[in-house]
Amino acid sequence: MTFKKGQSGNPGGKPKELKEIQLEARKMSFDALKTLETVCKSTKSPAAARVAAANAILDRAYGKPPQFFTGDADQFREMTEMSDEELLAIVAAGKGKA
């Protein structure tokens, strides 16, 4: 299915039920974070639970770490480290792919 330029793929927006669920979940987010903190700091929590809680907290605080698709992490560079020419070459290489 193709859409015309400027046409939304979801003209009706999110279903009302989904919006309501998101609102309710957001109301509980502070309590959920406090629960993660409790699990993370508790020496009685299993190590796997503490690590999972710590990862969840870090993901929310700083975002998920970058994913490496080439399998070679040594070749990964931040976009901010690249020159304008390098970035333009990446964009040009991506044109025509879809």
PDB file of N, CA and C in Angstrom:
ATOM      1  N   MET A   1       0.841  -1.172   0.000  1.00  0.00           N
ATOM      2  CA  MET A   1       0.000   0.000   0.000  1.00  0.00           C
ATOM      3  C   MET A   1       0.889   1.238   0.000  1.00  0.00           C
ATOM      4  N   THR A   2       0.600   2.183  -0.870  1.00  0.00           N
ATOM      5  CA  THR A   2       1.353   3.432  -0.937  1.00  0.00           C
ATOM      6  C   THR A   2       0.448   4.601  -0.590  1.00  0.00           C
ATOM      7  N   PHE A   3       1.054   5.605   0.009  1.00  0.00           N
ATOM      8  CA  PHE A   3       0.316   6.802   0.390  1.00  0.00           C
ATOM      9  C   PHE A   3       0.804   7.965  -0.449  1.00  0.00           C
ATOM     10  N   LYS A   4      -0.078   8.883  -0.687  1.00  0.00           N
ATOM     11  CA  LYS A   4       0.303  10.097  -1.401  1.00  0.00           C
ATOM     12  C   LYS A   4       1.182  10.943  -0.498  1.00  0.00           C
ATOM     13  N   LYS A   5       2.047  11.741  -1.123  1.00  0.00           N
ATOM     14  CA  LYS A   5       2.926  12.617  -0.362  1.00  0.00           C
ATOM     15  C   LYS A   5       2.085  13.531   0.529  1.00  0.00           C
ATOM     16  N   GLY A   6       2.442  13.596   1.793  1.00  0.00           N
ATOM     17  CA  GLY A   6       1.723  14.435   2.746  1.00  0.00           C
ATOM     18  C   GLY A   6       0.514  13.761   3.367  1.00  0.00           C
ATOM     19  N   GLN A   7       0.229  12.525   2.954  1.00  0.00           N
ATOM     20  CA  GLN A   7      -0.930  11.794   3.490  1.00  0.00           C
ATOM     21  C   GLN A   7      -0.466  10.911   4.643  1.00  0.00           C
ATOM     22  N   SER A   8      -1.195  10.945   5.734  1.00  0.00           N
ATOM     23  CA  SER A   8      -0.850  10.136   6.892  1.00  0.00           C
ATOM     24  C   SER A   8      -1.166   8.678   6.636  1.00  0.00           C
ATOM     25  N   GLY A   9      -0.320   7.804   7.139  1.00  0.00           N
ATOM     26  CA  GLY A   9      -0.583   6.383   7.069  1.00  0.00           C
ATOM     27  C   GLY A   9      -1.601   5.950   8.105  1.00  0.00           C
ATOM     28  N   ASN A  10      -1.897   6.847   9.031  1.00  0.00           N
ATOM     29  CA  ASN A  10      -2.867   6.546  10.080  1.00  0.00           C
ATOM     30  C   ASN A  10      -3.727   7.790  10.309  1.00  0.00           C
ATOM     31  N   PRO A  11      -4.626   8.092   9.373  1.00  0.00           N
ATOM     32  CA  PRO A  11      -5.392   9.332   9.469  1.00  0.00           C
ATOM     33  C   PRO A  11      -6.292   9.425  10.704  1.00  0.00           C
ATOM     34  N   GLY A  12      -6.674   8.285  11.267  1.00  0.00           N
ATOM     35  CA  GLY A  12      -7.532   8.306  12.461  1.00  0.00           C
ATOM     36  C   GLY A  12      -6.753   8.504  13.739  1.00  0.00           C
ATOM     37  N   GLY A  13      -5.432   8.469  13.673  1.00  0.00           N
ATOM     38  CA  GLY A  13      -4.608   8.604  14.866  1.00  0.00           C
ATOM     39  C   GLY A  13      -4.605   7.321  15.675  1.00  0.00           C
ATOM     40  N   LYS A  14      -4.034   7.404  16.876  1.00  0.00           N
ATOM     41  CA  LYS A  14      -4.000   6.241  17.760  1.00  0.00           C
ATOM     42  C   LYS A  14      -5.405   5.922  18.228  1.00  0.00           C
ATOM     43  N   PRO A  15      -5.690   4.637  18.422  1.00  0.00           N
ATOM     44  CA  PRO A  15      -7.000   4.290  18.978  1.00  0.00           C
ATOM     45  C   PRO A  15      -7.170   4.895  20.374  1.00  0.00           C
ATOM     46  N   LYS A  16      -8.372   5.291  20.721  1.00  0.00           N
ATOM     47  CA  LYS A  16      -8.647   5.940  21.999  1.00  0.00           C
ATOM     48  C   LYS A  16      -8.210   5.057  23.170  1.00  0.00           C
ATOM     49  N   GLU A  17      -8.440   3.749  23.038  1.00  0.00           N
ATOM     50  CA  GLU A  17      -8.080   2.846  24.126  1.00  0.00           C
ATOM     51  C   GLU A  17      -6.577   2.883  24.406  1.00  0.00           C
ATOM     52  N   LEU A  18      -5.781   2.940  23.349  1.00  0.00           N
ATOM     53  CA  LEU A  18      -4.334   2.980  23.511  1.00  0.00           C
ATOM     54  C   LEU A  18      -3.913   4.259  24.218  1.00  0.00           C
ATOM     55  N   LYS A  19      -4.511   5.380  23.852  1.00  0.00           N
ATOM     56  CA  LYS A  19      -4.186   6.651  24.505  1.00  0.00           C
ATOM     57  C   LYS A  19      -4.509   6.587  25.997  1.00  0.00           C
ATOM     58  N   GLU A  20      -5.650   5.980  26.338  1.00  0.00           N
ATOM     59  CA  GLU A  20      -6.050   5.872  27.738  1.00  0.00           C
ATOM     60  C   GLU A  20      -5.083   4.984  28.522  1.00  0.00           C
ATOM     61  N   ILE A  21      -4.663   3.893  27.897  1.00  0.00           N
ATOM     62  CA  ILE A  21      -3.705   2.995  28.552  1.00  0.00           C
ATOM     63  C   ILE A  21      -2.387   3.719  28.786  1.00  0.00           C
ATOM     64  N   GLN A  22      -1.927   4.477  27.783  1.00  0.00           N
ATOM     65  CA  GLN A  22      -0.680   5.222  27.935  1.00  0.00           C
ATOM     66  C   GLN A  22      -0.790   6.241  29.062  1.00  0.00           C
ATOM     67  N   LEU A  23      -1.903   6.942  29.152  1.00  0.00           N
ATOM     68  CA  LEU A  23      -2.090   7.918  30.218  1.00  0.00           C
ATOM     69  C   LEU A  23      -2.040   7.253  31.591  1.00  0.00           C
ATOM     70  N   GLU A  24      -2.719   6.126  31.729  1.00  0.00           N
ATOM     71  CA  GLU A  24      -2.715   5.411  33.011  1.00  0.00           C
ATOM     72  C   GLU A  24      -1.312   4.918  33.355  1.00  0.00           C
ATOM     73  N   ALA A  25      -0.599   4.404  32.361  1.00  0.00           N
ATOM     74  CA  ALA A  25       0.763   3.916  32.596  1.00  0.00           C
ATOM     75  C   ALA A  25       1.686   5.059  33.003  1.00  0.00           C
ATOM     76  N   ARG A  26       1.512   6.216  32.377  1.00  0.00           N
ATOM     77  CA  ARG A  26       2.350   7.369  32.728  1.00  0.00           C
ATOM     78  C   ARG A  26       2.085   7.853  34.143  1.00  0.00           C
ATOM     79  N   LYS A  27       0.861   7.698  34.607  1.00  0.00           N
ATOM     80  CA  LYS A  27       0.542   8.075  35.996  1.00  0.00           C
ATOM     81  C   LYS A  27       1.315   7.197  36.985  1.00  0.00           C
ATOM     82  N   MET A  28       1.616   5.982  36.570  1.00  0.00           N
ATOM     83  CA  MET A  28       2.304   5.031  37.448  1.00  0.00           C
ATOM     84  C   MET A  28       3.819   5.053  37.279  1.00  0.00           C
ATOM     85  N   SER A  29       4.331   5.878  36.383  1.00  0.00           N
ATOM     86  CA  SER A  29       5.751   5.818  36.048  1.00  0.00           C
ATOM     87  C   SER A  29       6.673   6.138  37.223  1.00  0.00           C
ATOM     88  N   PHE A  30       6.285   7.082  38.079  1.00  0.00           N
ATOM     89  CA  PHE A  30       7.141   7.409  39.228  1.00  0.00           C
ATOM     90  C   PHE A  30       7.222   6.211  40.173  1.00  0.00           C
ATOM     91  N   ASP A  31       6.075   5.571  40.436  1.00  0.00           N
ATOM     92  CA  ASP A  31       6.067   4.388  41.298  1.00  0.00           C
ATOM     93  C   ASP A  31       6.886   3.254  40.684  1.00  0.00           C
ATOM     94  N   ALA A  32       6.779   3.102  39.371  1.00  0.00           N
ATOM     95  CA  ALA A  32       7.541   2.056  38.686  1.00  0.00           C
ATOM     96  C   ALA A  32       9.042   2.316  38.812  1.00  0.00           C
ATOM     97  N   LEU A  33       9.449   3.562  38.671  1.00  0.00           N
ATOM     98  CA  LEU A  33      10.856   3.906  38.811  1.00  0.00           C
ATOM     99  C   LEU A  33      11.340   3.652  40.239  1.00  0.00           C
ATOM    100  N   LYS A  34      10.511   3.974  41.209  1.00  0.00           N
ATOM    101  CA  LYS A  34      10.871   3.712  42.615  1.00  0.00           C
ATOM    102  C   LYS A  34      11.020   2.206  42.857  1.00  0.00           C
ATOM    103  N   THR A  35      10.167   1.405  42.214  1.00  0.00           N
ATOM    104  CA  THR A  35      10.274  -0.053  42.343  1.00  0.00           C
ATOM    105  C   THR A  35      11.586  -0.538  41.743  1.00  0.00           C
ATOM    106  N   LEU A  36      11.930  -0.015  40.561  1.00  0.00           N
ATOM    107  CA  LEU A  36      13.209  -0.382  39.943  1.00  0.00           C
ATOM    108  C   LEU A  36      14.373  -0.005  40.862  1.00  0.00           C
ATOM    109  N   GLU A  37      14.278   1.155  41.477  1.00  0.00           N
ATOM    110  CA  GLU A  37      15.331   1.602  42.395  1.00  0.00           C
ATOM    111  C   GLU A  37      15.452   0.643  43.579  1.00  0.00           C
ATOM    112  N   THR A  38      14.317   0.235  44.135  1.00  0.00           N
ATOM    113  CA  THR A  38      14.320  -0.679  45.276  1.00  0.00           C
ATOM    114  C   THR A  38      14.982  -2.007  44.909  1.00  0.00           C
ATOM    115  N   VAL A  39      14.598  -2.558  43.760  1.00  0.00           N
ATOM    116  CA  VAL A  39      15.174  -3.828  43.311  1.00  0.00           C
ATOM    117  C   VAL A  39      16.668  -3.661  43.063  1.00  0.00           C
ATOM    118  N   CYS A  40      17.048  -2.566  42.415  1.00  0.00           N
ATOM    119  CA  CYS A  40      18.447  -2.320  42.074  1.00  0.00           C
ATOM    120  C   CYS A  40      19.326  -2.212  43.325  1.00  0.00           C
ATOM    121  N   LYS A  41      18.819  -1.577  44.371  1.00  0.00           N
ATOM    122  CA  LYS A  41      19.614  -1.338  45.576  1.00  0.00           C
ATOM    123  C   LYS A  41      19.553  -2.471  46.601  1.00  0.00           C
ATOM    124  N   SER A  42      18.589  -3.381  46.450  1.00  0.00           N
ATOM    125  CA  SER A  42      18.407  -4.430  47.449  1.00  0.00           C
ATOM    126  C   SER A  42      19.421  -5.555  47.276  1.00  0.00           C
ATOM    127  N   THR A  43      20.166  -5.839  48.349  1.00  0.00           N
ATOM    128  CA  THR A  43      21.102  -6.964  48.307  1.00  0.00           C
ATOM    129  C   THR A  43      20.355  -8.292  48.343  1.00  0.00           C
ATOM    130  N   LYS A  44      19.069  -8.259  48.690  1.00  0.00           N
ATOM    131  CA  LYS A  44      18.259  -9.485  48.708  1.00  0.00           C
ATOM    132  C   LYS A  44      17.732  -9.830  47.313  1.00  0.00           C
ATOM    133  N   SER A  45      17.760  -8.886  46.389  1.00  0.00           N
ATOM    134  CA  SER A  45      17.311  -9.154  45.020  1.00  0.00           C
ATOM    135  C   SER A  45      18.346 -10.014  44.311  1.00  0.00           C
ATOM    136  N   PRO A  46      17.894 -10.958  43.495  1.00  0.00           N
ATOM    137  CA  PRO A  46      18.862 -11.742  42.711  1.00  0.00           C
ATOM    138  C   PRO A  46      19.689 -10.818  41.808  1.00  0.00           C
ATOM    139  N   ALA A  47      20.904 -11.230  41.534  1.00  0.00           N
ATOM    140  CA  ALA A  47      21.798 -10.402  40.718  1.00  0.00           C
ATOM    141  C   ALA A  47      21.173 -10.071  39.368  1.00  0.00           C
ATOM    142  N   ALA A  48      20.514 -11.034  38.742  1.00  0.00           N
ATOM    143  CA  ALA A  48      19.909 -10.791  37.429  1.00  0.00           C
ATOM    144  C   ALA A  48      18.829  -9.713  37.517  1.00  0.00           C
ATOM    145  N   ALA A  49      18.055  -9.712  38.592  1.00  0.00           N
ATOM    146  CA  ALA A  49      17.010  -8.699  38.769  1.00  0.00           C
ATOM    147  C   ALA A  49      17.629  -7.327  38.998  1.00  0.00           C
ATOM    148  N   ARG A  50      18.732  -7.280  39.742  1.00  0.00           N
ATOM    149  CA  ARG A  50      19.406  -5.998  39.996  1.00  0.00           C
ATOM    150  C   ARG A  50      19.968  -5.425  38.703  1.00  0.00           C
ATOM    151  N   VAL A  51      20.566  -6.281  37.886  1.00  0.00           N
ATOM    152  CA  VAL A  51      21.112  -5.831  36.601  1.00  0.00           C
ATOM    153  C   VAL A  51      19.990  -5.363  35.684  1.00  0.00           C
ATOM    154  N   ALA A  52      18.894  -6.109  35.621  1.00  0.00           N
ATOM    155  CA  ALA A  52      17.761  -5.725  34.773  1.00  0.00           C
ATOM    156  C   ALA A  52      17.191  -4.381  35.217  1.00  0.00           C
ATOM    157  N   ALA A  53      17.069  -4.174  36.526  1.00  0.00           N
ATOM    158  CA  ALA A  53      16.557  -2.900  37.040  1.00  0.00           C
ATOM    159  C   ALA A  53      17.521  -1.768  36.717  1.00  0.00           C
ATOM    160  N   ALA A  54      18.810  -2.012  36.894  1.00  0.00           N
ATOM    161  CA  ALA A  54      19.814  -0.985  36.592  1.00  0.00           C
ATOM    162  C   ALA A  54      19.768  -0.612  35.107  1.00  0.00           C
ATOM    163  N   ASN A  55      19.660  -1.617  34.233  1.00  0.00           N
ATOM    164  CA  ASN A  55      19.575  -1.343  32.795  1.00  0.00           C
ATOM    165  C   ASN A  55      18.325  -0.548  32.451  1.00  0.00           C
ATOM    166  N   ALA A  56      17.209  -0.896  33.062  1.00  0.00           N
ATOM    167  CA  ALA A  56      15.961  -0.175  32.789  1.00  0.00           C
ATOM    168  C   ALA A  56      16.084   1.285  33.222  1.00  0.00           C
ATOM    169  N   ILE A  57      16.706   1.521  34.360  1.00  0.00           N
ATOM    170  CA  ILE A  57      16.880   2.892  34.856  1.00  0.00           C
ATOM    171  C   ILE A  57      17.801   3.676  33.913  1.00  0.00           C
ATOM    172  N   LEU A  58      18.926   3.071  33.528  1.00  0.00           N
ATOM    173  CA  LEU A  58      19.859   3.751  32.637  1.00  0.00           C
ATOM    174  C   LEU A  58      19.239   4.030  31.272  1.00  0.00           C
ATOM    175  N   ASP A  59      18.464   3.063  30.744  1.00  0.00           N
ATOM    176  CA  ASP A  59      17.804   3.274  29.452  1.00  0.00           C
ATOM    177  C   ASP A  59      16.868   4.469  29.502  1.00  0.00           C
ATOM    178  N   ARG A  60      16.166   4.631  30.607  1.00  0.00           N
ATOM    179  CA  ARG A  60      15.228   5.746  30.726  1.00  0.00           C
ATOM    180  C   ARG A  60      15.952   7.068  30.969  1.00  0.00           C
ATOM    181  N   ALA A  61      17.087   6.997  31.641  1.00  0.00           N
ATOM    182  CA  ALA A  61      17.834   8.218  31.933  1.00  0.00           C
ATOM    183  C   ALA A  61      18.640   8.712  30.741  1.00  0.00           C
ATOM    184  N   TYR A  62      19.255   7.785  29.994  1.00  0.00           N
ATOM    185  CA  TYR A  62      20.184   8.177  28.937  1.00  0.00           C
ATOM    186  C   TYR A  62      19.838   7.628  27.561  1.00  0.00           C
ATOM    187  N   GLY A  63      18.809   6.802  27.471  1.00  0.00           N
ATOM    188  CA  GLY A  63      18.482   6.158  26.204  1.00  0.00           C
ATOM    189  C   GLY A  63      19.275   4.875  26.047  1.00  0.00           C
ATOM    190  N   LYS A  64      18.814   4.040  25.148  1.00  0.00           N
ATOM    191  CA  LYS A  64      19.507   2.775  24.916  1.00  0.00           C
ATOM    192  C   LYS A  64      20.829   3.039  24.211  1.00  0.00           C
ATOM    193  N   PRO A  65      21.848   2.230  24.503  1.00  0.00           N
ATOM    194  CA  PRO A  65      23.125   2.427  23.815  1.00  0.00           C
ATOM    195  C   PRO A  65      22.995   2.127  22.329  1.00  0.00           C
ATOM    196  N   PRO A  66      23.900   2.676  21.507  1.00  0.00           N
ATOM    197  CA  PRO A  66      23.808   2.434  20.066  1.00  0.00           C
ATOM    198  C   PRO A  66      23.981   0.957  19.752  1.00  0.00           C
ATOM    199  N   GLN A  67      23.304   0.519  18.698  1.00  0.00           N
ATOM    200  CA  GLN A  67      23.403  -0.866  18.251  1.00  0.00           C
ATOM    201  C   GLN A  67      24.364  -0.918  17.067  1.00  0.00           C
ATOM    202  N   PHE A  68      25.233  -1.905  17.047  1.00  0.00           N
ATOM    203  CA  PHE A  68      26.201  -2.054  15.971  1.00  0.00           C
ATOM    204  C   PHE A  68      25.674  -3.078  14.982  1.00  0.00           C
ATOM    205  N   PHE A  69      25.509  -2.657  13.742  1.00  0.00           N
ATOM    206  CA  PHE A  69      24.950  -3.537  12.732  1.00  0.00           C
ATOM    207  C   PHE A  69      26.022  -4.214  11.894  1.00  0.00           C
ATOM    208  N   THR A  70      27.234  -3.712  11.901  1.00  0.00           N
ATOM    209  CA  THR A  70      28.279  -4.290  11.068  1.00  0.00           C
ATOM    210  C   THR A  70      28.969  -5.449  11.762  1.00  0.00           C
ATOM    211  N   GLY A  71      28.800  -5.559  13.058  1.00  0.00           N
ATOM    212  CA  GLY A  71      29.489  -6.592  13.806  1.00  0.00           C
ATOM    213  C   GLY A  71      30.886  -6.154  14.208  1.00  0.00           C
ATOM    214  N   ASP A  72      31.309  -4.970  13.789  1.00  0.00           N
ATOM    215  CA  ASP A  72      32.641  -4.476  14.101  1.00  0.00           C
ATOM    216  C   ASP A  72      32.519  -3.172  14.881  1.00  0.00           C
ATOM    217  N   ALA A  73      32.513  -3.275  16.184  1.00  0.00           N
ATOM    218  CA  ALA A  73      32.331  -2.105  17.046  1.00  0.00           C
ATOM    219  C   ALA A  73      33.492  -1.114  16.923  1.00  0.00           C
ATOM    220  N   ASP A  74      34.686  -1.606  16.499  1.00  0.00           N
ATOM    221  CA  ASP A  74      35.835  -0.711  16.361  1.00  0.00           C
ATOM    222  C   ASP A  74      35.628   0.316  15.254  1.00  0.00           C
ATOM    223  N   GLN A  75      34.746   0.010  14.292  1.00  0.00           N
ATOM    224  CA  GLN A  75      34.521   0.922  13.179  1.00  0.00           C
ATOM    225  C   GLN A  75      33.384   1.898  13.445  1.00  0.00           C
ATOM    226  N   PHE A  76      32.728   1.781  14.585  1.00  0.00           N
ATOM    227  CA  PHE A  76      31.617   2.666  14.902  1.00  0.00           C
ATOM    228  C   PHE A  76      32.141   4.054  15.247  1.00  0.00           C
ATOM    229  N   ARG A  77      31.493   5.086  14.672  1.00  0.00           N
ATOM    230  CA  ARG A  77      31.830   6.473  14.994  1.00  0.00           C
ATOM    231  C   ARG A  77      30.542   7.242  15.166  1.00  0.00           C
ATOM    232  N   GLU A  78      30.542   8.164  16.076  1.00  0.00           N
ATOM    233  CA  GLU A  78      29.395   9.038  16.267  1.00  0.00           C
ATOM    234  C   GLU A  78      29.273   9.952  15.050  1.00  0.00           C
ATOM    235  N   MET A  79      28.029  10.313  14.715  1.00  0.00           N
ATOM    236  CA  MET A  79      27.823  11.242  13.604  1.00  0.00           C
ATOM    237  C   MET A  79      28.526  12.569  13.870  1.00  0.00           C
ATOM    238  N   THR A  80      28.590  12.962  15.131  1.00  0.00           N
ATOM    239  CA  THR A  80      29.213  14.247  15.457  1.00  0.00           C
ATOM    240  C   THR A  80      30.721  14.231  15.198  1.00  0.00           C
ATOM    241  N   GLU A  81      31.305  13.032  15.050  1.00  0.00           N
ATOM    242  CA  GLU A  81      32.739  12.924  14.774  1.00  0.00           C
ATOM    243  C   GLU A  81      33.033  12.939  13.277  1.00  0.00           C
ATOM    244  N   MET A  82      31.985  12.843  12.448  1.00  0.00           N
ATOM    245  CA  MET A  82      32.179  12.750  11.003  1.00  0.00           C
ATOM    246  C   MET A  82      32.178  14.132  10.361  1.00  0.00           C
ATOM    247  N   SER A  83      32.904  14.224   9.253  1.00  0.00           N
ATOM    248  CA  SER A  83      32.931  15.485   8.496  1.00  0.00           C
ATOM    249  C   SER A  83      31.641  15.599   7.684  1.00  0.00           C
ATOM    250  N   ASP A  84      31.378  16.802   7.192  1.00  0.00           N
ATOM    251  CA  ASP A  84      30.220  17.010   6.329  1.00  0.00           C
ATOM    252  C   ASP A  84      30.309  16.130   5.080  1.00  0.00           C
ATOM    253  N   GLU A  85      31.507  15.973   4.556  1.00  0.00           N
ATOM    254  CA  GLU A  85      31.697  15.162   3.354  1.00  0.00           C
ATOM    255  C   GLU A  85      31.339  13.703   3.625  1.00  0.00           C
ATOM    256  N   GLU A  86      31.773  13.188   4.770  1.00  0.00           N
ATOM    257  CA  GLU A  86      31.443  11.803   5.114  1.00  0.00           C
ATOM    258  C   GLU A  86      29.939  11.610   5.267  1.00  0.00           C
ATOM    259  N   LEU A  87      29.275  12.562   5.922  1.00  0.00           N
ATOM    260  CA  LEU A  87      27.824  12.464   6.106  1.00  0.00           C
ATOM    261  C   LEU A  87      27.092  12.544   4.774  1.00  0.00           C
ATOM    262  N   LEU A  88      27.535  13.450   3.883  1.00  0.00           N
ATOM    263  CA  LEU A  88      26.913  13.552   2.557  1.00  0.00           C
ATOM    264  C   LEU A  88      27.104  12.272   1.751  1.00  0.00           C
ATOM    265  N   ALA A  89      28.268  11.614   1.896  1.00  0.00           N
ATOM    266  CA  ALA A  89      28.511  10.366   1.189  1.00  0.00           C
ATOM    267  C   ALA A  89      27.574   9.266   1.695  1.00  0.00           C
ATOM    268  N   ILE A  90      27.303   9.244   2.982  1.00  0.00           N
ATOM    269  CA  ILE A  90      26.375   8.260   3.541  1.00  0.00           C
ATOM    270  C   ILE A  90      24.968   8.500   2.996  1.00  0.00           C
ATOM    271  N   VAL A  91      24.561   9.768   2.963  1.00  0.00           N
ATOM    272  CA  VAL A  91      23.223  10.101   2.433  1.00  0.00           C
ATOM    273  C   VAL A  91      23.145   9.714   0.960  1.00  0.00           C
ATOM    274  N   ALA A  92      24.189  10.041   0.192  1.00  0.00           N
ATOM    275  CA  ALA A  92      24.174   9.725  -1.236  1.00  0.00           C
ATOM    276  C   ALA A  92      24.129   8.222  -1.466  1.00  0.00           C
ATOM    277  N   ALA A  93      24.825   7.445  -0.630  1.00  0.00           N
ATOM    278  CA  ALA A  93      24.828   5.988  -0.767  1.00  0.00           C
ATOM    279  C   ALA A  93      23.454   5.417  -0.433  1.00  0.00           C
ATOM    280  N   GLY A  94      22.723   6.099   0.447  1.00  0.00           N
ATOM    281  CA  GLY A  94      21.412   5.612   0.848  1.00  0.00           C
ATOM    282  C   GLY A  94      20.301   5.942  -0.126  1.00  0.00           C
ATOM    283  N   LYS A  95      20.526   6.918  -0.998  1.00  0.00           N
ATOM    284  CA  LYS A  95      19.509   7.275  -1.997  1.00  0.00           C
ATOM    285  C   LYS A  95      19.392   6.144  -3.004  1.00  0.00           C
ATOM    286  N   GLY A  96      18.182   5.831  -3.357  1.00  0.00           N
ATOM    287  CA  GLY A  96      17.945   4.746  -4.290  1.00  0.00           C
ATOM    288  C   GLY A  96      17.687   3.433  -3.585  1.00  0.00           C
ATOM    289  N   LYS A  97      17.959   3.381  -2.278  1.00  0.00           N
ATOM    290  CA  LYS A  97      17.642   2.191  -1.496  1.00  0.00           C
ATOM    291  C   LYS A  97      16.328   2.453  -0.788  1.00  0.00           C
ATOM    292  N   ALA A  98      15.467   1.499  -0.792  1.00  0.00           N
ATOM    293  CA  ALA A  98      14.207   1.674  -0.071  1.00  0.00           C
ATOM    294  C   ALA A  98      13.593   0.348   0.265  1.00  0.00           C
TER     295      ALA A  98
END
